[in-house]
Amino acid sequence: MPHDIDRATGRRSPSPANPFRFNLRRVVGGARLLLTEASPWRLAFQRRIGDLKADLVAEVADWPAVETAPHRYGGTEFLVGGREIGHVHDWGLTDIPFVRPVGEAVVTSGIAARHHVLPDSGWATTFLEMPADRDRIRDLLRLSWCWHVAHFDAGADSLDPDAAERAARALALPEAVIETFLSTLRSRA
């Protein structure tokens, strides 16, 4: 029986039989981490995402009634009257809440995917990687903003249904998404 097998349990012992082989694995693993996590390409990509995220956060924070707060899993969340209209994580993953019919229309149109953790909730998930993604995410956040300021009391910044319709139609989103949004807004008014 090799000496790295525990005679009592028949399992491998926690310490490897060959300490040199173990150290070689640690060195190779460390080099792999260095090449992937700290590579210049990865760092440049993360810097670009950080710039896009900063632009998006600055723009959305300027909307009426929007407050920003740190998100519990890293990133920035956007709130209207204490209700979340979406959040963007530090690594570019963006989650946006919609009522189920609107969320289904967003997913069906292909501009976002179902939420990565809560797929049946109406939330949509998308990634921020390029400037075109930033514009699409801005429009999706604006649609969520329209819902919240029209459907819930946002104080002086509340929208009437006609203003919400004009704001939604001004977005560069598929017509099916806009129509689903408007019909849902009218039915729940």
C-alpha atoms as a PDB file:
ATOM      1  CA  MET A   1       0.000   0.000   0.000  1.00  0.00           C
ATOM      2  CA  PRO A   2       1.504   3.411  -0.943  1.00  0.00           C
ATOM      3  CA  HIS A   3       2.415   5.565   2.001  1.00  0.00           C
ATOM      4  CA  ASP A   4      -0.054   8.368   1.106  1.00  0.00           C
ATOM      5  CA  ILE A   5      -3.044   6.031   1.725  1.00  0.00           C
ATOM      6  CA  ASP A   6      -4.477   6.112   5.233  1.00  0.00           C
ATOM      7  CA  ARG A   7      -4.479   2.488   6.427  1.00  0.00           C
ATOM      8  CA  ALA A   8      -7.477   2.992   8.728  1.00  0.00           C
ATOM      9  CA  THR A   9      -9.871   4.553   6.186  1.00  0.00           C
ATOM     10  CA  GLY A  10      -8.316   3.462   2.888  1.00  0.00           C
ATOM     11  CA  ARG A  11      -8.383   7.050   1.636  1.00  0.00           C
ATOM     12  CA  ARG A  12      -5.589   9.332   0.552  1.00  0.00           C
ATOM     13  CA  SER A  13      -4.001  11.271   3.345  1.00  0.00           C
ATOM     14  CA  PRO A  14      -4.259  15.066   3.191  1.00  0.00           C
ATOM     15  CA  SER A  15      -0.526  15.436   2.582  1.00  0.00           C
ATOM     16  CA  PRO A  16       0.738  14.215  -0.806  1.00  0.00           C
ATOM     17  CA  ALA A  17       3.270  11.433  -1.073  1.00  0.00           C
ATOM     18  CA  ASN A  18       5.692  13.502  -3.134  1.00  0.00           C
ATOM     19  CA  PRO A  19       6.249  17.011  -1.740  1.00  0.00           C
ATOM     20  CA  PHE A  20       8.162  18.110  -4.873  1.00  0.00           C
ATOM     21  CA  ARG A  21       5.230  17.243  -7.106  1.00  0.00           C
ATOM     22  CA  PHE A  22       2.909  19.197  -4.826  1.00  0.00           C
ATOM     23  CA  ASN A  23       5.151  22.257  -4.971  1.00  0.00           C
ATOM     24  CA  LEU A  24       5.341  21.998  -8.748  1.00  0.00           C
ATOM     25  CA  ARG A  25       1.551  22.053  -8.909  1.00  0.00           C
ATOM     26  CA  ARG A  26       1.500  25.214  -6.799  1.00  0.00           C
ATOM     27  CA  VAL A  27       4.052  26.889  -9.058  1.00  0.00           C
ATOM     28  CA  VAL A  28       2.186  25.946 -12.229  1.00  0.00           C
ATOM     29  CA  GLY A  29      -1.118  27.046 -10.686  1.00  0.00           C
ATOM     30  CA  GLY A  30       0.410  30.373  -9.664  1.00  0.00           C
ATOM     31  CA  ALA A  31       1.768  30.943 -13.173  1.00  0.00           C
ATOM     32  CA  ARG A  32      -1.636  30.152 -14.669  1.00  0.00           C
ATOM     33  CA  LEU A  33      -3.256  32.664 -12.316  1.00  0.00           C
ATOM     34  CA  LEU A  34      -0.647  35.268 -13.226  1.00  0.00           C
ATOM     35  CA  LEU A  35      -1.229  34.748 -16.934  1.00  0.00           C
ATOM     36  CA  THR A  36      -5.015  34.926 -16.731  1.00  0.00           C
ATOM     37  CA  GLU A  37      -5.892  37.314 -13.908  1.00  0.00           C
ATOM     38  CA  ALA A  38      -3.068  39.835 -14.246  1.00  0.00           C
ATOM     39  CA  SER A  39      -2.479  39.730 -17.981  1.00  0.00           C
ATOM     40  CA  PRO A  40      -2.305  43.106 -19.742  1.00  0.00           C
ATOM     41  CA  TRP A  41      -5.256  42.119 -21.933  1.00  0.00           C
ATOM     42  CA  ARG A  42      -7.449  41.279 -18.968  1.00  0.00           C
ATOM     43  CA  LEU A  43      -6.440  44.446 -17.138  1.00  0.00           C
ATOM     44  CA  ALA A  44      -7.201  46.567 -20.212  1.00  0.00           C
ATOM     45  CA  PHE A  45     -10.583  44.861 -20.555  1.00  0.00           C
ATOM     46  CA  GLN A  46     -11.387  45.515 -16.884  1.00  0.00           C
ATOM     47  CA  ARG A  47     -10.324  49.146 -17.267  1.00  0.00           C
ATOM     48  CA  ARG A  48     -12.643  49.544 -20.276  1.00  0.00           C
ATOM     49  CA  ILE A  49     -15.547  48.007 -18.347  1.00  0.00           C
ATOM     50  CA  GLY A  50     -14.792  50.342 -15.440  1.00  0.00           C
ATOM     51  CA  ASP A  51     -14.916  53.365 -17.759  1.00  0.00           C
ATOM     52  CA  LEU A  52     -18.190  52.217 -19.345  1.00  0.00           C
ATOM     53  CA  LYS A  53     -19.671  51.526 -15.911  1.00  0.00           C
ATOM     54  CA  ALA A  54     -18.618  54.956 -14.640  1.00  0.00           C
ATOM     55  CA  ASP A  55     -20.238  56.624 -17.668  1.00  0.00           C
ATOM     56  CA  LEU A  56     -23.446  54.626 -17.184  1.00  0.00           C
ATOM     57  CA  VAL A  57     -23.631  55.342 -13.449  1.00  0.00           C
ATOM     58  CA  ALA A  58     -23.045  59.066 -13.986  1.00  0.00           C
ATOM     59  CA  GLU A  59     -25.759  59.262 -16.641  1.00  0.00           C
ATOM     60  CA  VAL A  60     -28.401  57.278 -14.749  1.00  0.00           C
ATOM     61  CA  ALA A  61     -27.667  59.139 -11.496  1.00  0.00           C
ATOM     62  CA  ASP A  62     -28.663  62.387 -13.247  1.00  0.00           C
ATOM     63  CA  TRP A  63     -32.187  61.172 -14.011  1.00  0.00           C
ATOM     64  CA  PRO A  64     -35.000  62.678 -11.906  1.00  0.00           C
ATOM     65  CA  ALA A  65     -35.699  60.873  -8.612  1.00  0.00           C
ATOM     66  CA  VAL A  66     -32.775  58.429  -9.054  1.00  0.00           C
ATOM     67  CA  GLU A  67     -30.517  57.714  -6.124  1.00  0.00           C
ATOM     68  CA  THR A  68     -27.444  55.493  -6.215  1.00  0.00           C
ATOM     69  CA  ALA A  69     -26.249  53.147  -3.505  1.00  0.00           C
ATOM     70  CA  PRO A  70     -23.604  50.426  -3.220  1.00  0.00           C
ATOM     71  CA  HIS A  71     -24.930  47.031  -4.233  1.00  0.00           C
ATOM     72  CA  ARG A  72     -24.474  44.232  -1.720  1.00  0.00           C
ATOM     73  CA  TYR A  73     -22.621  42.015  -4.212  1.00  0.00           C
ATOM     74  CA  GLY A  74     -20.361  44.758  -5.524  1.00  0.00           C
ATOM     75  CA  GLY A  75     -21.348  47.510  -7.883  1.00  0.00           C
ATOM     76  CA  THR A  76     -23.925  50.278  -7.931  1.00  0.00           C
ATOM     77  CA  GLU A  77     -27.686  50.026  -7.635  1.00  0.00           C
ATOM     78  CA  PHE A  78     -30.149  52.620  -8.824  1.00  0.00           C
ATOM     79  CA  LEU A  79     -33.195  53.442  -6.700  1.00  0.00           C
ATOM     80  CA  VAL A  80     -36.374  55.445  -7.290  1.00  0.00           C
ATOM     81  CA  GLY A  81     -38.338  56.096  -4.131  1.00  0.00           C
ATOM     82  CA  GLY A  82     -36.467  53.292  -2.382  1.00  0.00           C
ATOM     83  CA  ARG A  83     -37.310  50.766  -5.129  1.00  0.00           C
ATOM     84  CA  GLU A  84     -34.529  49.332  -7.251  1.00  0.00           C
ATOM     85  CA  ILE A  85     -34.668  50.009 -10.994  1.00  0.00           C
ATOM     86  CA  GLY A  86     -31.506  47.973 -11.629  1.00  0.00           C
ATOM     87  CA  HIS A  87     -27.885  47.521 -10.696  1.00  0.00           C
ATOM     88  CA  VAL A  88     -24.562  47.123 -12.449  1.00  0.00           C
ATOM     89  CA  HIS A  89     -21.847  44.964 -10.895  1.00  0.00           C
ATOM     90  CA  ASP A  90     -18.194  45.959 -10.948  1.00  0.00           C
ATOM     91  CA  TRP A  91     -17.420  43.293 -13.562  1.00  0.00           C
ATOM     92  CA  GLY A  92     -20.108  44.536 -15.977  1.00  0.00           C
ATOM     93  CA  LEU A  93     -23.019  42.204 -15.232  1.00  0.00           C
ATOM     94  CA  THR A  94     -26.209  44.270 -15.153  1.00  0.00           C
ATOM     95  CA  ASP A  95     -29.545  43.171 -13.679  1.00  0.00           C
ATOM     96  CA  ILE A  96     -32.765  45.076 -14.328  1.00  0.00           C
ATOM     97  CA  PRO A  97     -36.181  44.335 -12.772  1.00  0.00           C
ATOM     98  CA  PHE A  98     -39.310  44.342 -14.892  1.00  0.00           C
ATOM     99  CA  VAL A  99     -42.813  43.091 -14.311  1.00  0.00           C
ATOM    100  CA  ARG A 100     -43.051  39.607 -15.812  1.00  0.00           C
ATOM    101  CA  PRO A 101     -44.737  40.472 -19.130  1.00  0.00           C
ATOM    102  CA  VAL A 102     -42.190  43.198 -19.883  1.00  0.00           C
ATOM    103  CA  GLY A 103     -39.299  41.005 -18.752  1.00  0.00           C
ATOM    104  CA  GLU A 104     -40.530  38.219 -21.051  1.00  0.00           C
ATOM    105  CA  ALA A 105     -40.721  40.661 -23.969  1.00  0.00           C
ATOM    106  CA  VAL A 106     -37.177  41.870 -23.270  1.00  0.00           C
ATOM    107  CA  VAL A 107     -35.856  38.296 -23.174  1.00  0.00           C
ATOM    108  CA  THR A 108     -37.868  37.219 -26.234  1.00  0.00           C
ATOM    109  CA  SER A 109     -36.539  40.167 -28.237  1.00  0.00           C
ATOM    110  CA  GLY A 110     -32.980  39.019 -27.484  1.00  0.00           C
ATOM    111  CA  ILE A 111     -31.693  42.245 -25.949  1.00  0.00           C
ATOM    112  CA  ALA A 112     -31.164  40.608 -22.553  1.00  0.00           C
ATOM    113  CA  ALA A 113     -31.260  37.182 -20.934  1.00  0.00           C
ATOM    114  CA  ARG A 114     -33.292  35.867 -18.050  1.00  0.00           C
ATOM    115  CA  HIS A 115     -31.874  36.707 -14.646  1.00  0.00           C
ATOM    116  CA  HIS A 116     -28.977  34.405 -13.877  1.00  0.00           C
ATOM    117  CA  VAL A 117     -30.260  33.499 -10.396  1.00  0.00           C
ATOM    118  CA  LEU A 118     -34.030  34.151 -10.583  1.00  0.00           C
ATOM    119  CA  PRO A 119     -35.001  33.177 -14.140  1.00  0.00           C
ATOM    120  CA  ASP A 120     -38.784  33.274 -13.574  1.00  0.00           C
ATOM    121  CA  SER A 121     -38.895  36.622 -11.788  1.00  0.00           C
ATOM    122  CA  GLY A 122     -39.145  39.082 -14.684  1.00  0.00           C
ATOM    123  CA  TRP A 123     -35.632  40.370 -14.022  1.00  0.00           C
ATOM    124  CA  ALA A 124     -33.311  40.589 -17.019  1.00  0.00           C
ATOM    125  CA  THR A 125     -29.527  40.192 -17.121  1.00  0.00           C
ATOM    126  CA  THR A 126     -27.116  41.612 -19.643  1.00  0.00           C
ATOM    127  CA  PHE A 127     -23.410  42.398 -19.855  1.00  0.00           C
ATOM    128  CA  LEU A 128     -21.634  45.723 -20.164  1.00  0.00           C
ATOM    129  CA  GLU A 129     -18.625  45.166 -22.426  1.00  0.00           C
ATOM    130  CA  MET A 130     -18.765  47.727 -25.261  1.00  0.00           C
ATOM    131  CA  PRO A 131     -20.190  51.227 -25.801  1.00  0.00           C
ATOM    132  CA  ALA A 132     -23.163  49.760 -27.681  1.00  0.00           C
ATOM    133  CA  ASP A 133     -23.936  47.667 -24.591  1.00  0.00           C
ATOM    134  CA  ARG A 134     -23.901  50.806 -22.463  1.00  0.00           C
ATOM    135  CA  ASP A 135     -26.512  52.451 -24.709  1.00  0.00           C
ATOM    136  CA  ARG A 136     -28.741  49.350 -24.689  1.00  0.00           C
ATOM    137  CA  ILE A 137     -28.451  49.004 -20.907  1.00  0.00           C
ATOM    138  CA  ARG A 138     -29.204  52.717 -20.481  1.00  0.00           C
ATOM    139  CA  ASP A 139     -32.414  52.269 -22.488  1.00  0.00           C
ATOM    140  CA  LEU A 140     -33.422  49.199 -20.459  1.00  0.00           C
ATOM    141  CA  LEU A 141     -32.771  51.073 -17.218  1.00  0.00           C
ATOM    142  CA  ARG A 142     -34.765  54.008 -18.583  1.00  0.00           C
ATOM    143  CA  LEU A 143     -37.680  51.658 -19.299  1.00  0.00           C
ATOM    144  CA  SER A 144     -37.506  50.392 -15.724  1.00  0.00           C
ATOM    145  CA  TRP A 145     -37.310  54.021 -14.557  1.00  0.00           C
ATOM    146  CA  CYS A 146     -40.418  54.883 -16.611  1.00  0.00           C
ATOM    147  CA  TRP A 147     -42.318  52.050 -14.935  1.00  0.00           C
ATOM    148  CA  HIS A 148     -41.323  53.145 -11.448  1.00  0.00           C
ATOM    149  CA  VAL A 149     -42.022  56.864 -11.843  1.00  0.00           C
ATOM    150  CA  ALA A 150     -45.336  56.212 -13.625  1.00  0.00           C
ATOM    151  CA  HIS A 151     -46.622  53.291 -11.558  1.00  0.00           C
ATOM    152  CA  PHE A 152     -45.387  54.205  -8.071  1.00  0.00           C
ATOM    153  CA  ASP A 153     -45.471  57.571  -6.389  1.00  0.00           C
ATOM    154  CA  ALA A 154     -42.141  59.263  -7.114  1.00  0.00           C
ATOM    155  CA  GLY A 155     -43.193  62.590  -5.652  1.00  0.00           C
ATOM    156  CA  ALA A 156     -42.683  65.604  -7.879  1.00  0.00           C
ATOM    157  CA  ASP A 157     -40.961  63.450 -10.498  1.00  0.00           C
ATOM    158  CA  SER A 158     -43.962  61.185 -11.148  1.00  0.00           C
ATOM    159  CA  LEU A 159     -45.014  60.694 -14.763  1.00  0.00           C
ATOM    160  CA  ASP A 160     -48.566  60.543 -16.028  1.00  0.00           C
ATOM    161  CA  PRO A 161     -49.286  57.673 -18.458  1.00  0.00           C
ATOM    162  CA  ASP A 162     -48.969  59.931 -21.520  1.00  0.00           C
ATOM    163  CA  ALA A 163     -45.539  61.197 -20.441  1.00  0.00           C
ATOM    164  CA  ALA A 164     -44.457  57.611 -19.709  1.00  0.00           C
ATOM    165  CA  GLU A 165     -45.584  56.582 -23.188  1.00  0.00           C
ATOM    166  CA  ARG A 166     -43.623  59.426 -24.821  1.00  0.00           C
ATOM    167  CA  ALA A 167     -40.527  58.559 -22.767  1.00  0.00           C
ATOM    168  CA  ALA A 168     -40.806  54.845 -23.630  1.00  0.00           C
ATOM    169  CA  ARG A 169     -41.308  55.488 -27.353  1.00  0.00           C
ATOM    170  CA  ALA A 170     -38.171  57.661 -27.393  1.00  0.00           C
ATOM    171  CA  LEU A 171     -36.031  54.641 -26.418  1.00  0.00           C
ATOM    172  CA  ALA A 172     -34.103  52.600 -28.988  1.00  0.00           C
ATOM    173  CA  LEU A 173     -35.785  49.334 -28.007  1.00  0.00           C
ATOM    174  CA  PRO A 174     -37.770  46.851 -30.143  1.00  0.00           C
ATOM    175  CA  GLU A 175     -41.364  47.852 -30.780  1.00  0.00           C
ATOM    176  CA  ALA A 176     -42.652  44.631 -29.201  1.00  0.00           C
ATOM    177  CA  VAL A 177     -40.967  45.554 -25.908  1.00  0.00           C
ATOM    178  CA  ILE A 178     -42.407  49.081 -25.969  1.00  0.00           C
ATOM    179  CA  GLU A 179     -45.934  47.836 -26.794  1.00  0.00           C
ATOM    180  CA  THR A 180     -45.799  45.213 -24.031  1.00  0.00           C
ATOM    181  CA  PHE A 181     -44.579  47.864 -21.600  1.00  0.00           C
ATOM    182  CA  LEU A 182     -47.373  50.284 -22.537  1.00  0.00           C
ATOM    183  CA  SER A 183     -50.143  47.677 -22.438  1.00  0.00           C
ATOM    184  CA  THR A 184     -48.931  46.450 -19.054  1.00  0.00           C
ATOM    185  CA  LEU A 185     -48.708  50.016 -17.745  1.00  0.00           C
ATOM    186  CA  ARG A 186     -52.273  50.767 -18.912  1.00  0.00           C
ATOM    187  CA  SER A 187     -53.681  47.541 -17.458  1.00  0.00           C
ATOM    188  CA  ARG A 188     -52.144  48.187 -14.045  1.00  0.00           C
ATOM    189  CA  ALA A 189     -52.943  51.893 -13.810  1.00  0.00           C
END
